[in-house]
Amino acid sequence: MKVENLTDCEEVVMKAVWDFDKEPVLSEVVEHVNKTYGKEWAPQTVSTYLAKLVRKEYLKLQRTGRIYTYKILVKEETYRRKLYKHHISFWNDDNILDFIKEMIDNGDLTKADLKALSSK
């Protein structure tokens, strides 16, 4: 399965769907996007982004009686992996050690973080 790129707005809506422990309905996604991610989007706006996510095969629209829910087809971990692999490939020439060194040099990864990682 090819994981397509998402726009910033599609990413916000998809993250909101990933945040649920169940298959959400439109009204739940709208409320969550606006409350959690500081948006003031109308249901039609969120519905448009959800439709785009269905077309990109991140979600599947399911009907149960009169209720429509959104089923996740691409897991959050899969998308995050795509993002960091692209970042490392593009900005660090596929060198993960350079990426980690950059994180350490910038203070994004502390010695305590490294110690915690080494104990896992």
PDB file of N, CA and C in Angstrom:
ATOM      1  N   MET A   1       0.836  -1.174   0.000  1.00  0.00           N
ATOM      2  CA  MET A   1       0.000   0.000   0.000  1.00  0.00           C
ATOM      3  C   MET A   1       0.887   1.245   0.000  1.00  0.00           C
ATOM      4  N   LYS A   2       0.642   2.147  -0.939  1.00  0.00           N
ATOM      5  CA  LYS A   2       1.369   3.409  -1.021  1.00  0.00           C
ATOM      6  C   LYS A   2       0.699   4.417  -0.101  1.00  0.00           C
ATOM      7  N   VAL A   3       1.470   4.995   0.797  1.00  0.00           N
ATOM      8  CA  VAL A   3       0.951   5.990   1.718  1.00  0.00           C
ATOM      9  C   VAL A   3       1.181   7.364   1.090  1.00  0.00           C
ATOM     10  N   GLU A   4       0.086   8.000   0.662  1.00  0.00           N
ATOM     11  CA  GLU A   4       0.177   9.304  -0.001  1.00  0.00           C
ATOM     12  C   GLU A   4       0.479  10.413   1.001  1.00  0.00           C
ATOM     13  N   ASN A   5       1.028  11.510   0.480  1.00  0.00           N
ATOM     14  CA  ASN A   5       1.255  12.683   1.306  1.00  0.00           C
ATOM     15  C   ASN A   5      -0.070  13.323   1.680  1.00  0.00           C
ATOM     16  N   LEU A   6      -0.100  13.933   2.849  1.00  0.00           N
ATOM     17  CA  LEU A   6      -1.285  14.641   3.308  1.00  0.00           C
ATOM     18  C   LEU A   6      -0.976  16.130   3.412  1.00  0.00           C
ATOM     19  N   THR A   7      -1.981  16.947   3.150  1.00  0.00           N
ATOM     20  CA  THR A   7      -1.837  18.376   3.390  1.00  0.00           C
ATOM     21  C   THR A   7      -1.867  18.602   4.900  1.00  0.00           C
ATOM     22  N   ASP A   8      -1.508  19.795   5.339  1.00  0.00           N
ATOM     23  CA  ASP A   8      -1.549  20.102   6.768  1.00  0.00           C
ATOM     24  C   ASP A   8      -2.953  19.915   7.347  1.00  0.00           C
ATOM     25  N   CYS A   9      -3.963  20.364   6.613  1.00  0.00           N
ATOM     26  CA  CYS A   9      -5.345  20.246   7.095  1.00  0.00           C
ATOM     27  C   CYS A   9      -5.798  18.785   7.137  1.00  0.00           C
ATOM     28  N   GLU A  10      -5.435  18.016   6.107  1.00  0.00           N
ATOM     29  CA  GLU A  10      -5.770  16.589   6.109  1.00  0.00           C
ATOM     30  C   GLU A  10      -5.090  15.884   7.272  1.00  0.00           C
ATOM     31  N   GLU A  11      -3.864  16.294   7.572  1.00  0.00           N
ATOM     32  CA  GLU A  11      -3.120  15.708   8.684  1.00  0.00           C
ATOM     33  C   GLU A  11      -3.837  15.956  10.011  1.00  0.00           C
ATOM     34  N   VAL A  12      -4.340  17.160  10.217  1.00  0.00           N
ATOM     35  CA  VAL A  12      -5.058  17.487  11.450  1.00  0.00           C
ATOM     36  C   VAL A  12      -6.302  16.613  11.591  1.00  0.00           C
ATOM     37  N   VAL A  13      -7.057  16.487  10.522  1.00  0.00           N
ATOM     38  CA  VAL A  13      -8.281  15.677  10.567  1.00  0.00           C
ATOM     39  C   VAL A  13      -7.933  14.209  10.773  1.00  0.00           C
ATOM     40  N   MET A  14      -6.915  13.730  10.095  1.00  0.00           N
ATOM     41  CA  MET A  14      -6.523  12.322  10.241  1.00  0.00           C
ATOM     42  C   MET A  14      -6.026  12.060  11.656  1.00  0.00           C
ATOM     43  N   LYS A  15      -5.252  12.994  12.224  1.00  0.00           N
ATOM     44  CA  LYS A  15      -4.769  12.836  13.607  1.00  0.00           C
ATOM     45  C   LYS A  15      -5.959  12.769  14.557  1.00  0.00           C
ATOM     46  N   ALA A  16      -6.968  13.584  14.297  1.00  0.00           N
ATOM     47  CA  ALA A  16      -8.171  13.554  15.143  1.00  0.00           C
ATOM     48  C   ALA A  16      -8.840  12.180  15.080  1.00  0.00           C
ATOM     49  N   VAL A  17      -8.911  11.596  13.898  1.00  0.00           N
ATOM     50  CA  VAL A  17      -9.509  10.254  13.757  1.00  0.00           C
ATOM     51  C   VAL A  17      -8.640   9.231  14.483  1.00  0.00           C
ATOM     52  N   TRP A  18      -7.327   9.330  14.326  1.00  0.00           N
ATOM     53  CA  TRP A  18      -6.432   8.397  15.018  1.00  0.00           C
ATOM     54  C   TRP A  18      -6.580   8.490  16.534  1.00  0.00           C
ATOM     55  N   ASP A  19      -6.953   9.645  17.047  1.00  0.00           N
ATOM     56  CA  ASP A  19      -7.082   9.839  18.495  1.00  0.00           C
ATOM     57  C   ASP A  19      -8.227   9.032  19.114  1.00  0.00           C
ATOM     58  N   PHE A  20      -9.180   8.603  18.295  1.00  0.00           N
ATOM     59  CA  PHE A  20     -10.329   7.855  18.813  1.00  0.00           C
ATOM     60  C   PHE A  20      -9.982   6.380  19.008  1.00  0.00           C
ATOM     61  N   ASP A  21     -10.634   5.763  19.999  1.00  0.00           N
ATOM     62  CA  ASP A  21     -10.498   4.327  20.238  1.00  0.00           C
ATOM     63  C   ASP A  21     -11.565   3.534  19.495  1.00  0.00           C
ATOM     64  N   LYS A  22     -12.409   4.238  18.759  1.00  0.00           N
ATOM     65  CA  LYS A  22     -13.497   3.607  18.016  1.00  0.00           C
ATOM     66  C   LYS A  22     -13.604   4.301  16.662  1.00  0.00           C
ATOM     67  N   GLU A  23     -14.474   3.802  15.831  1.00  0.00           N
ATOM     68  CA  GLU A  23     -14.703   4.431  14.530  1.00  0.00           C
ATOM     69  C   GLU A  23     -15.632   5.625  14.732  1.00  0.00           C
ATOM     70  N   PRO A  24     -15.121   6.850  14.564  1.00  0.00           N
ATOM     71  CA  PRO A  24     -15.927   8.031  14.873  1.00  0.00           C
ATOM     72  C   PRO A  24     -16.910   8.401  13.770  1.00  0.00           C
ATOM     73  N   VAL A  25     -17.894   9.196  14.151  1.00  0.00           N
ATOM     74  CA  VAL A  25     -18.828   9.796  13.203  1.00  0.00           C
ATOM     75  C   VAL A  25     -18.377  11.232  12.965  1.00  0.00           C
ATOM     76  N   LEU A  26     -18.917  11.856  11.930  1.00  0.00           N
ATOM     77  CA  LEU A  26     -18.509  13.205  11.546  1.00  0.00           C
ATOM     78  C   LEU A  26     -18.580  14.186  12.711  1.00  0.00           C
ATOM     79  N   SER A  27     -19.680  14.212  13.438  1.00  0.00           N
ATOM     80  CA  SER A  27     -19.832  15.189  14.519  1.00  0.00           C
ATOM     81  C   SER A  27     -18.744  15.046  15.587  1.00  0.00           C
ATOM     82  N   GLU A  28     -18.327  13.818  15.863  1.00  0.00           N
ATOM     83  CA  GLU A  28     -17.257  13.593  16.840  1.00  0.00           C
ATOM     84  C   GLU A  28     -15.926  14.124  16.319  1.00  0.00           C
ATOM     85  N   VAL A  29     -15.664  13.914  15.048  1.00  0.00           N
ATOM     86  CA  VAL A  29     -14.414  14.401  14.456  1.00  0.00           C
ATOM     87  C   VAL A  29     -14.400  15.929  14.472  1.00  0.00           C
ATOM     88  N   VAL A  30     -15.512  16.550  14.100  1.00  0.00           N
ATOM     89  CA  VAL A  30     -15.608  18.023  14.094  1.00  0.00           C
ATOM     90  C   VAL A  30     -15.320  18.572  15.491  1.00  0.00           C
ATOM     91  N   GLU A  31     -15.988  18.011  16.485  1.00  0.00           N
ATOM     92  CA  GLU A  31     -15.805  18.475  17.864  1.00  0.00           C
ATOM     93  C   GLU A  31     -14.355  18.308  18.315  1.00  0.00           C
ATOM     94  N   HIS A  32     -13.771  17.167  17.999  1.00  0.00           N
ATOM     95  CA  HIS A  32     -12.403  16.881  18.433  1.00  0.00           C
ATOM     96  C   HIS A  32     -11.393  17.795  17.729  1.00  0.00           C
ATOM     97  N   VAL A  33     -11.548  18.000  16.441  1.00  0.00           N
ATOM     98  CA  VAL A  33     -10.640  18.878  15.687  1.00  0.00           C
ATOM     99  C   VAL A  33     -10.689  20.290  16.267  1.00  0.00           C
ATOM    100  N   ASN A  34     -11.880  20.789  16.498  1.00  0.00           N
ATOM    101  CA  ASN A  34     -12.025  22.158  16.982  1.00  0.00           C
ATOM    102  C   ASN A  34     -11.544  22.324  18.420  1.00  0.00           C
ATOM    103  N   LYS A  35     -11.870  21.373  19.259  1.00  0.00           N
ATOM    104  CA  LYS A  35     -11.516  21.462  20.679  1.00  0.00           C
ATOM    105  C   LYS A  35     -10.026  21.171  20.909  1.00  0.00           C
ATOM    106  N   THR A  36      -9.528  20.101  20.335  1.00  0.00           N
ATOM    107  CA  THR A  36      -8.170  19.652  20.609  1.00  0.00           C
ATOM    108  C   THR A  36      -7.119  20.385  19.783  1.00  0.00           C
ATOM    109  N   TYR A  37      -7.449  20.700  18.543  1.00  0.00           N
ATOM    110  CA  TYR A  37      -6.452  21.272  17.637  1.00  0.00           C
ATOM    111  C   TYR A  37      -6.707  22.749  17.326  1.00  0.00           C
ATOM    112  N   GLY A  38      -7.602  23.377  18.105  1.00  0.00           N
ATOM    113  CA  GLY A  38      -7.799  24.812  18.043  1.00  0.00           C
ATOM    114  C   GLY A  38      -8.358  25.351  16.734  1.00  0.00           C
ATOM    115  N   LYS A  39      -9.115  24.552  16.057  1.00  0.00           N
ATOM    116  CA  LYS A  39      -9.737  24.991  14.802  1.00  0.00           C
ATOM    117  C   LYS A  39     -11.145  25.501  15.070  1.00  0.00           C
ATOM    118  N   GLU A  40     -11.689  26.180  14.096  1.00  0.00           N
ATOM    119  CA  GLU A  40     -13.089  26.610  14.150  1.00  0.00           C
ATOM    120  C   GLU A  40     -13.747  26.207  12.835  1.00  0.00           C
ATOM    121  N   TRP A  41     -13.595  24.943  12.499  1.00  0.00           N
ATOM    122  CA  TRP A  41     -14.078  24.437  11.219  1.00  0.00           C
ATOM    123  C   TRP A  41     -15.526  23.993  11.312  1.00  0.00           C
ATOM    124  N   ALA A  42     -16.258  24.307  10.265  1.00  0.00           N
ATOM    125  CA  ALA A  42     -17.652  23.863  10.150  1.00  0.00           C
ATOM    126  C   ALA A  42     -17.675  22.381   9.781  1.00  0.00           C
ATOM    127  N   PRO A  43     -18.781  21.710  10.059  1.00  0.00           N
ATOM    128  CA  PRO A  43     -18.887  20.298   9.685  1.00  0.00           C
ATOM    129  C   PRO A  43     -18.602  20.049   8.206  1.00  0.00           C
ATOM    130  N   GLN A  44     -19.031  20.955   7.334  1.00  0.00           N
ATOM    131  CA  GLN A  44     -18.793  20.780   5.896  1.00  0.00           C
ATOM    132  C   GLN A  44     -17.299  20.783   5.569  1.00  0.00           C
ATOM    133  N   THR A  45     -16.535  21.612   6.257  1.00  0.00           N
ATOM    134  CA  THR A  45     -15.086  21.675   6.040  1.00  0.00           C
ATOM    135  C   THR A  45     -14.443  20.352   6.430  1.00  0.00           C
ATOM    136  N   VAL A  46     -14.781  19.862   7.615  1.00  0.00           N
ATOM    137  CA  VAL A  46     -14.219  18.588   8.086  1.00  0.00           C
ATOM    138  C   VAL A  46     -14.674  17.456   7.171  1.00  0.00           C
ATOM    139  N   SER A  47     -15.915  17.495   6.759  1.00  0.00           N
ATOM    140  CA  SER A  47     -16.445  16.474   5.850  1.00  0.00           C
ATOM    141  C   SER A  47     -15.665  16.445   4.535  1.00  0.00           C
ATOM    142  N   THR A  48     -15.299  17.606   4.039  1.00  0.00           N
ATOM    143  CA  THR A  48     -14.512  17.686   2.801  1.00  0.00           C
ATOM    144  C   THR A  48     -13.151  17.012   2.983  1.00  0.00           C
ATOM    145  N   TYR A  49     -12.495  17.303   4.112  1.00  0.00           N
ATOM    146  CA  TYR A  49     -11.184  16.670   4.366  1.00  0.00           C
ATOM    147  C   TYR A  49     -11.325  15.166   4.585  1.00  0.00           C
ATOM    148  N   LEU A  50     -12.385  14.748   5.254  1.00  0.00           N
ATOM    149  CA  LEU A  50     -12.616  13.315   5.439  1.00  0.00           C
ATOM    150  C   LEU A  50     -12.820  12.627   4.089  1.00  0.00           C
ATOM    151  N   ALA A  51     -13.546  13.272   3.185  1.00  0.00           N
ATOM    152  CA  ALA A  51     -13.762  12.705   1.843  1.00  0.00           C
ATOM    153  C   ALA A  51     -12.430  12.561   1.100  1.00  0.00           C
ATOM    154  N   LYS A  52     -11.562  13.539   1.252  1.00  0.00           N
ATOM    155  CA  LYS A  52     -10.245  13.454   0.618  1.00  0.00           C
ATOM    156  C   LYS A  52      -9.430  12.307   1.212  1.00  0.00           C
ATOM    157  N   LEU A  53      -9.547  12.111   2.524  1.00  0.00           N
ATOM    158  CA  LEU A  53      -8.836  11.007   3.178  1.00  0.00           C
ATOM    159  C   LEU A  53      -9.390   9.653   2.740  1.00  0.00           C
ATOM    160  N   VAL A  54     -10.671   9.594   2.451  1.00  0.00           N
ATOM    161  CA  VAL A  54     -11.266   8.367   1.905  1.00  0.00           C
ATOM    162  C   VAL A  54     -10.703   8.117   0.506  1.00  0.00           C
ATOM    163  N   ARG A  55     -10.641   9.163  -0.325  1.00  0.00           N
ATOM    164  CA  ARG A  55     -10.096   9.018  -1.685  1.00  0.00           C
ATOM    165  C   ARG A  55      -8.622   8.591  -1.668  1.00  0.00           C
ATOM    166  N   LYS A  56      -7.881   9.085  -0.681  1.00  0.00           N
ATOM    167  CA  LYS A  56      -6.464   8.724  -0.564  1.00  0.00           C
ATOM    168  C   LYS A  56      -6.269   7.384   0.137  1.00  0.00           C
ATOM    169  N   GLU A  57      -7.364   6.750   0.496  1.00  0.00           N
ATOM    170  CA  GLU A  57      -7.394   5.428   1.123  1.00  0.00           C
ATOM    171  C   GLU A  57      -6.742   5.385   2.505  1.00  0.00           C
ATOM    172  N   TYR A  58      -6.870   6.479   3.237  1.00  0.00           N
ATOM    173  CA  TYR A  58      -6.487   6.499   4.643  1.00  0.00           C
ATOM    174  C   TYR A  58      -7.654   6.027   5.498  1.00  0.00           C
ATOM    175  N   LEU A  59      -8.868   6.292   5.008  1.00  0.00           N
ATOM    176  CA  LEU A  59     -10.093   5.955   5.724  1.00  0.00           C
ATOM    177  C   LEU A  59     -11.067   5.251   4.794  1.00  0.00           C
ATOM    178  N   LYS A  60     -12.005   4.562   5.416  1.00  0.00           N
ATOM    179  CA  LYS A  60     -13.117   3.970   4.680  1.00  0.00           C
ATOM    180  C   LYS A  60     -14.397   4.450   5.356  1.00  0.00           C
ATOM    181  N   LEU A  61     -15.324   4.957   4.559  1.00  0.00           N
ATOM    182  CA  LEU A  61     -16.616   5.380   5.074  1.00  0.00           C
ATOM    183  C   LEU A  61     -17.513   4.159   5.142  1.00  0.00           C
ATOM    184  N   GLN A  62     -18.032   3.881   6.332  1.00  0.00           N
ATOM    185  CA  GLN A  62     -18.881   2.708   6.532  1.00  0.00           C
ATOM    186  C   GLN A  62     -20.265   3.153   6.982  1.00  0.00           C
ATOM    187  N   ARG A  63     -21.252   2.448   6.503  1.00  0.00           N
ATOM    188  CA  ARG A  63     -22.632   2.743   6.891  1.00  0.00           C
ATOM    189  C   ARG A  63     -23.193   1.579   7.686  1.00  0.00           C
ATOM    190  N   THR A  64     -23.732   1.910   8.849  1.00  0.00           N
ATOM    191  CA  THR A  64     -24.433   0.941   9.670  1.00  0.00           C
ATOM    192  C   THR A  64     -25.809   1.540   9.957  1.00  0.00           C
ATOM    193  N   GLY A  65     -26.796   1.057   9.249  1.00  0.00           N
ATOM    194  CA  GLY A  65     -28.126   1.664   9.360  1.00  0.00           C
ATOM    195  C   GLY A  65     -28.080   3.074   8.813  1.00  0.00           C
ATOM    196  N   ARG A  66     -28.406   4.034   9.659  1.00  0.00           N
ATOM    197  CA  ARG A  66     -28.371   5.433   9.231  1.00  0.00           C
ATOM    198  C   ARG A  66     -27.101   6.143   9.689  1.00  0.00           C
ATOM    199  N   ILE A  67     -26.212   5.432  10.320  1.00  0.00           N
ATOM    200  CA  ILE A  67     -24.992   6.018  10.879  1.00  0.00           C
ATOM    201  C   ILE A  67     -23.803   5.736   9.960  1.00  0.00           C
ATOM    202  N   TYR A  68     -23.035   6.789   9.677  1.00  0.00           N
ATOM    203  CA  TYR A  68     -21.800   6.656   8.897  1.00  0.00           C
ATOM    204  C   TYR A  68     -20.615   6.839   9.836  1.00  0.00           C
ATOM    205  N   THR A  69     -19.694   5.892   9.795  1.00  0.00           N
ATOM    206  CA  THR A  69     -18.482   5.980  10.605  1.00  0.00           C
ATOM    207  C   THR A  69     -17.263   5.898   9.698  1.00  0.00           C
ATOM    208  N   TYR A  70     -16.128   6.281  10.254  1.00  0.00           N
ATOM    209  CA  TYR A  70     -14.875   6.275   9.504  1.00  0.00           C
ATOM    210  C   TYR A  70     -13.940   5.223  10.084  1.00  0.00           C
ATOM    211  N   LYS A  71     -13.578   4.256   9.238  1.00  0.00           N
ATOM    212  CA  LYS A  71     -12.673   3.177   9.634  1.00  0.00           C
ATOM    213  C   LYS A  71     -11.268   3.528   9.155  1.00  0.00           C
ATOM    214  N   ILE A  72     -10.300   3.369  10.026  1.00  0.00           N
ATOM    215  CA  ILE A  72      -8.908   3.670   9.706  1.00  0.00           C
ATOM    216  C   ILE A  72      -8.321   2.559   8.841  1.00  0.00           C
ATOM    217  N   LEU A  73      -7.732   2.940   7.718  1.00  0.00           N
ATOM    218  CA  LEU A  73      -7.047   1.990   6.840  1.00  0.00           C
ATOM    219  C   LEU A  73      -5.524   2.122   6.939  1.00  0.00           C
ATOM    220  N   VAL A  74      -5.041   3.321   7.268  1.00  0.00           N
ATOM    221  CA  VAL A  74      -3.597   3.556   7.446  1.00  0.00           C
ATOM    222  C   VAL A  74      -3.386   3.917   8.911  1.00  0.00           C
ATOM    223  N   LYS A  75      -2.592   3.121   9.605  1.00  0.00           N
ATOM    224  CA  LYS A  75      -2.338   3.351  11.022  1.00  0.00           C
ATOM    225  C   LYS A  75      -1.442   4.568  11.220  1.00  0.00           C
ATOM    226  N   GLU A  76      -1.599   5.178  12.373  1.00  0.00           N
ATOM    227  CA  GLU A  76      -0.799   6.365  12.702  1.00  0.00           C
ATOM    228  C   GLU A  76       0.693   6.043  12.664  1.00  0.00           C
ATOM    229  N   GLU A  77       1.069   4.894  13.173  1.00  0.00           N
ATOM    230  CA  GLU A  77       2.485   4.510  13.187  1.00  0.00           C
ATOM    231  C   GLU A  77       3.054   4.417  11.772  1.00  0.00           C
ATOM    232  N   THR A  78       2.252   3.930  10.840  1.00  0.00           N
ATOM    233  CA  THR A  78       2.675   3.819   9.441  1.00  0.00           C
ATOM    234  C   THR A  78       2.940   5.195   8.858  1.00  0.00           C
ATOM    235  N   TYR A  79       2.053   6.134   9.140  1.00  0.00           N
ATOM    236  CA  TYR A  79       2.229   7.490   8.621  1.00  0.00           C
ATOM    237  C   TYR A  79       3.431   8.172   9.264  1.00  0.00           C
ATOM    238  N   ARG A  80       3.574   8.039  10.583  1.00  0.00           N
ATOM    239  CA  ARG A  80       4.732   8.643  11.263  1.00  0.00           C
ATOM    240  C   ARG A  80       6.029   8.076  10.715  1.00  0.00           C
ATOM    241  N   ARG A  81       6.063   6.773  10.478  1.00  0.00           N
ATOM    242  CA  ARG A  81       7.263   6.130   9.921  1.00  0.00           C
ATOM    243  C   ARG A  81       7.592   6.726   8.553  1.00  0.00           C
ATOM    244  N   LYS A  82       6.573   6.944   7.732  1.00  0.00           N
ATOM    245  CA  LYS A  82       6.781   7.547   6.415  1.00  0.00           C
ATOM    246  C   LYS A  82       7.384   8.943   6.570  1.00  0.00           C
ATOM    247  N   LEU A  83       6.874   9.714   7.521  1.00  0.00           N
ATOM    248  CA  LEU A  83       7.374  11.076   7.728  1.00  0.00           C
ATOM    249  C   LEU A  83       8.836  11.089   8.151  1.00  0.00           C
ATOM    250  N   TYR A  84       9.176  10.284   9.159  1.00  0.00           N
ATOM    251  CA  TYR A  84      10.566  10.360   9.617  1.00  0.00           C
ATOM    252  C   TYR A  84      11.524   9.729   8.618  1.00  0.00           C
ATOM    253  N   LYS A  85      11.097   8.691   7.894  1.00  0.00           N
ATOM    254  CA  LYS A  85      11.975   8.112   6.874  1.00  0.00           C
ATOM    255  C   LYS A  85      12.237   9.116   5.755  1.00  0.00           C
ATOM    256  N   HIS A  86      11.191   9.849   5.362  1.00  0.00           N
ATOM    257  CA  HIS A  86      11.370  10.879   4.337  1.00  0.00           C
ATOM    258  C   HIS A  86      12.314  11.962   4.842  1.00  0.00           C
ATOM    259  N   HIS A  87      12.115  12.381   6.078  1.00  0.00           N
ATOM    260  CA  HIS A  87      12.971  13.426   6.647  1.00  0.00           C
ATOM    261  C   HIS A  87      14.434  12.990   6.662  1.00  0.00           C
ATOM    262  N   ILE A  88      14.677  11.801   7.158  1.00  0.00           N
ATOM    263  CA  ILE A  88      16.059  11.308   7.239  1.00  0.00           C
ATOM    264  C   ILE A  88      16.646  11.138   5.846  1.00  0.00           C
ATOM    265  N   SER A  89      15.857  10.635   4.927  1.00  0.00           N
ATOM    266  CA  SER A  89      16.331  10.451   3.549  1.00  0.00           C
ATOM    267  C   SER A  89      16.655  11.786   2.890  1.00  0.00           C
ATOM    268  N   PHE A  90      15.750  12.739   3.001  1.00  0.00           N
ATOM    269  CA  PHE A  90      15.892  14.012   2.291  1.00  0.00           C
ATOM    270  C   PHE A  90      16.922  14.924   2.963  1.00  0.00           C
ATOM    271  N   TRP A  91      16.811  15.104   4.283  1.00  0.00           N
ATOM    272  CA  TRP A  91      17.643  16.077   4.981  1.00  0.00           C
ATOM    273  C   TRP A  91      18.950  15.504   5.506  1.00  0.00           C
ATOM    274  N   ASN A  92      19.032  14.209   5.706  1.00  0.00           N
ATOM    275  CA  ASN A  92      20.235  13.604   6.275  1.00  0.00           C
ATOM    276  C   ASN A  92      20.848  12.553   5.365  1.00  0.00           C
ATOM    277  N   ASP A  93      20.491  12.572   4.091  1.00  0.00           N
ATOM    278  CA  ASP A  93      21.075  11.655   3.097  1.00  0.00           C
ATOM    279  C   ASP A  93      21.038  10.203   3.554  1.00  0.00           C
ATOM    280  N   ASP A  94      19.904   9.795   4.124  1.00  0.00           N
ATOM    281  CA  ASP A  94      19.697   8.418   4.599  1.00  0.00           C
ATOM    282  C   ASP A  94      20.636   8.010   5.735  1.00  0.00           C
ATOM    283  N   ASN A  95      21.182   8.976   6.429  1.00  0.00           N
ATOM    284  CA  ASN A  95      22.105   8.671   7.519  1.00  0.00           C
ATOM    285  C   ASN A  95      21.420   8.972   8.847  1.00  0.00           C
ATOM    286  N   ILE A  96      20.937   7.919   9.494  1.00  0.00           N
ATOM    287  CA  ILE A  96      20.210   8.101  10.754  1.00  0.00           C
ATOM    288  C   ILE A  96      21.131   8.591  11.865  1.00  0.00           C
ATOM    289  N   LEU A  97      22.410   8.245  11.795  1.00  0.00           N
ATOM    290  CA  LEU A  97      23.345   8.718  12.816  1.00  0.00           C
ATOM    291  C   LEU A  97      23.506  10.230  12.751  1.00  0.00           C
ATOM    292  N   ASP A  98      23.542  10.792  11.541  1.00  0.00           N
ATOM    293  CA  ASP A  98      23.588  12.248  11.396  1.00  0.00           C
ATOM    294  C   ASP A  98      22.327  12.886  11.974  1.00  0.00           C
ATOM    295  N   PHE A  99      21.198  12.244  11.750  1.00  0.00           N
ATOM    296  CA  PHE A  99      19.932  12.740  12.277  1.00  0.00           C
ATOM    297  C   PHE A  99      19.966  12.753  13.805  1.00  0.00           C
ATOM    298  N   ILE A 100      20.429  11.671  14.406  1.00  0.00           N
ATOM    299  CA  ILE A 100      20.494  11.586  15.870  1.00  0.00           C
ATOM    300  C   ILE A 100      21.505  12.581  16.421  1.00  0.00           C
ATOM    301  N   LYS A 101      22.657  12.716  15.747  1.00  0.00           N
ATOM    302  CA  LYS A 101      23.663  13.688  16.178  1.00  0.00           C
ATOM    303  C   LYS A 101      23.087  15.096  16.144  1.00  0.00           C
ATOM    304  N   GLU A 102      22.326  15.404  15.108  1.00  0.00           N
ATOM    305  CA  GLU A 102      21.679  16.709  14.999  1.00  0.00           C
ATOM    306  C   GLU A 102      20.706  16.924  16.158  1.00  0.00           C
ATOM    307  N   MET A 103      19.954  15.880  16.519  1.00  0.00           N
ATOM    308  CA  MET A 103      19.020  15.986  17.638  1.00  0.00           C
ATOM    309  C   MET A 103      19.764  16.242  18.950  1.00  0.00           C
ATOM    310  N   ILE A 104      20.894  15.585  19.128  1.00  0.00           N
ATOM    311  CA  ILE A 104      21.694  15.782  20.341  1.00  0.00           C
ATOM    312  C   ILE A 104      22.278  17.189  20.359  1.00  0.00           C
ATOM    313  N   ASP A 105      22.866  17.605  19.221  1.00  0.00           N
ATOM    314  CA  ASP A 105      23.479  18.941  19.137  1.00  0.00           C
ATOM    315  C   ASP A 105      22.460  20.052  19.378  1.00  0.00           C
ATOM    316  N   ASN A 106      21.221  19.844  18.964  1.00  0.00           N
ATOM    317  CA  ASN A 106      20.169  20.841  19.145  1.00  0.00           C
ATOM    318  C   ASN A 106      19.501  20.767  20.516  1.00  0.00           C
ATOM    319  N   GLY A 107      19.851  19.763  21.296  1.00  0.00           N
ATOM    320  CA  GLY A 107      19.253  19.611  22.615  1.00  0.00           C
ATOM    321  C   GLY A 107      17.896  18.937  22.594  1.00  0.00           C
ATOM    322  N   ASP A 108      17.515  18.387  21.441  1.00  0.00           N
ATOM    323  CA  ASP A 108      16.230  17.697  21.335  1.00  0.00           C
ATOM    324  C   ASP A 108      16.279  16.298  21.941  1.00  0.00           C
ATOM    325  N   LEU A 109      17.467  15.743  22.026  1.00  0.00           N
ATOM    326  CA  LEU A 109      17.681  14.414  22.599  1.00  0.00           C
ATOM    327  C   LEU A 109      18.745  14.565  23.676  1.00  0.00           C
ATOM    328  N   THR A 110      18.362  14.332  24.914  1.00  0.00           N
ATOM    329  CA  THR A 110      19.264  14.552  26.042  1.00  0.00           C
ATOM    330  C   THR A 110      20.023  13.276  26.392  1.00  0.00           C
ATOM    331  N   LYS A 111      21.003  13.426  27.266  1.00  0.00           N
ATOM    332  CA  LYS A 111      21.751  12.252  27.745  1.00  0.00           C
ATOM    333  C   LYS A 111      20.821  11.308  28.495  1.00  0.00           C
ATOM    334  N   ALA A 112      19.858  11.877  29.213  1.00  0.00           N
ATOM    335  CA  ALA A 112      18.875  11.044  29.939  1.00  0.00           C
ATOM    336  C   ALA A 112      18.035  10.249  28.942  1.00  0.00           C
ATOM    337  N   ASP A 113      17.677  10.886  27.819  1.00  0.00           N
ATOM    338  CA  ASP A 113      16.929  10.180  26.770  1.00  0.00           C
ATOM    339  C   ASP A 113      17.747   9.029  26.226  1.00  0.00           C
ATOM    340  N   LEU A 114      19.018   9.289  25.941  1.00  0.00           N
ATOM    341  CA  LEU A 114      19.902   8.237  25.401  1.00  0.00           C
ATOM    342  C   LEU A 114      20.058   7.096  26.412  1.00  0.00           C
ATOM    343  N   LYS A 115      20.190   7.439  27.677  1.00  0.00           N
ATOM    344  CA  LYS A 115      20.315   6.412  28.712  1.00  0.00           C
ATOM    345  C   LYS A 115      19.052   5.560  28.769  1.00  0.00           C
ATOM    346  N   ALA A 116      17.898   6.213  28.696  1.00  0.00           N
ATOM    347  CA  ALA A 116      16.622   5.495  28.716  1.00  0.00           C
ATOM    348  C   ALA A 116      16.503   4.586  27.495  1.00  0.00           C
ATOM    349  N   LEU A 117      16.944   5.065  26.348  1.00  0.00           N
ATOM    350  CA  LEU A 117      16.903   4.246  25.132  1.00  0.00           C
ATOM    351  C   LEU A 117      17.831   3.034  25.235  1.00  0.00           C
ATOM    352  N   SER A 118      18.999   3.243  25.803  1.00  0.00           N
ATOM    353  CA  SER A 118      19.962   2.143  25.883  1.00  0.00           C
ATOM    354  C   SER A 118      19.541   1.072  26.867  1.00  0.00           C
ATOM    355  N   SER A 119      18.657   1.419  27.801  1.00  0.00           N
ATOM    356  CA  SER A 119      18.209   0.422  28.769  1.00  0.00           C
ATOM    357  C   SER A 119      17.017  -0.399  28.270  1.00  0.00           C
ATOM    358  N   LYS A 120      16.507  -0.057  27.094  1.00  0.00           N
ATOM    359  CA  LYS A 120      15.348  -0.799  26.552  1.00  0.00           C
ATOM    360  C   LYS A 120      15.786  -1.993  25.777  1.00  0.00           C
TER     361      LYS A 120
END
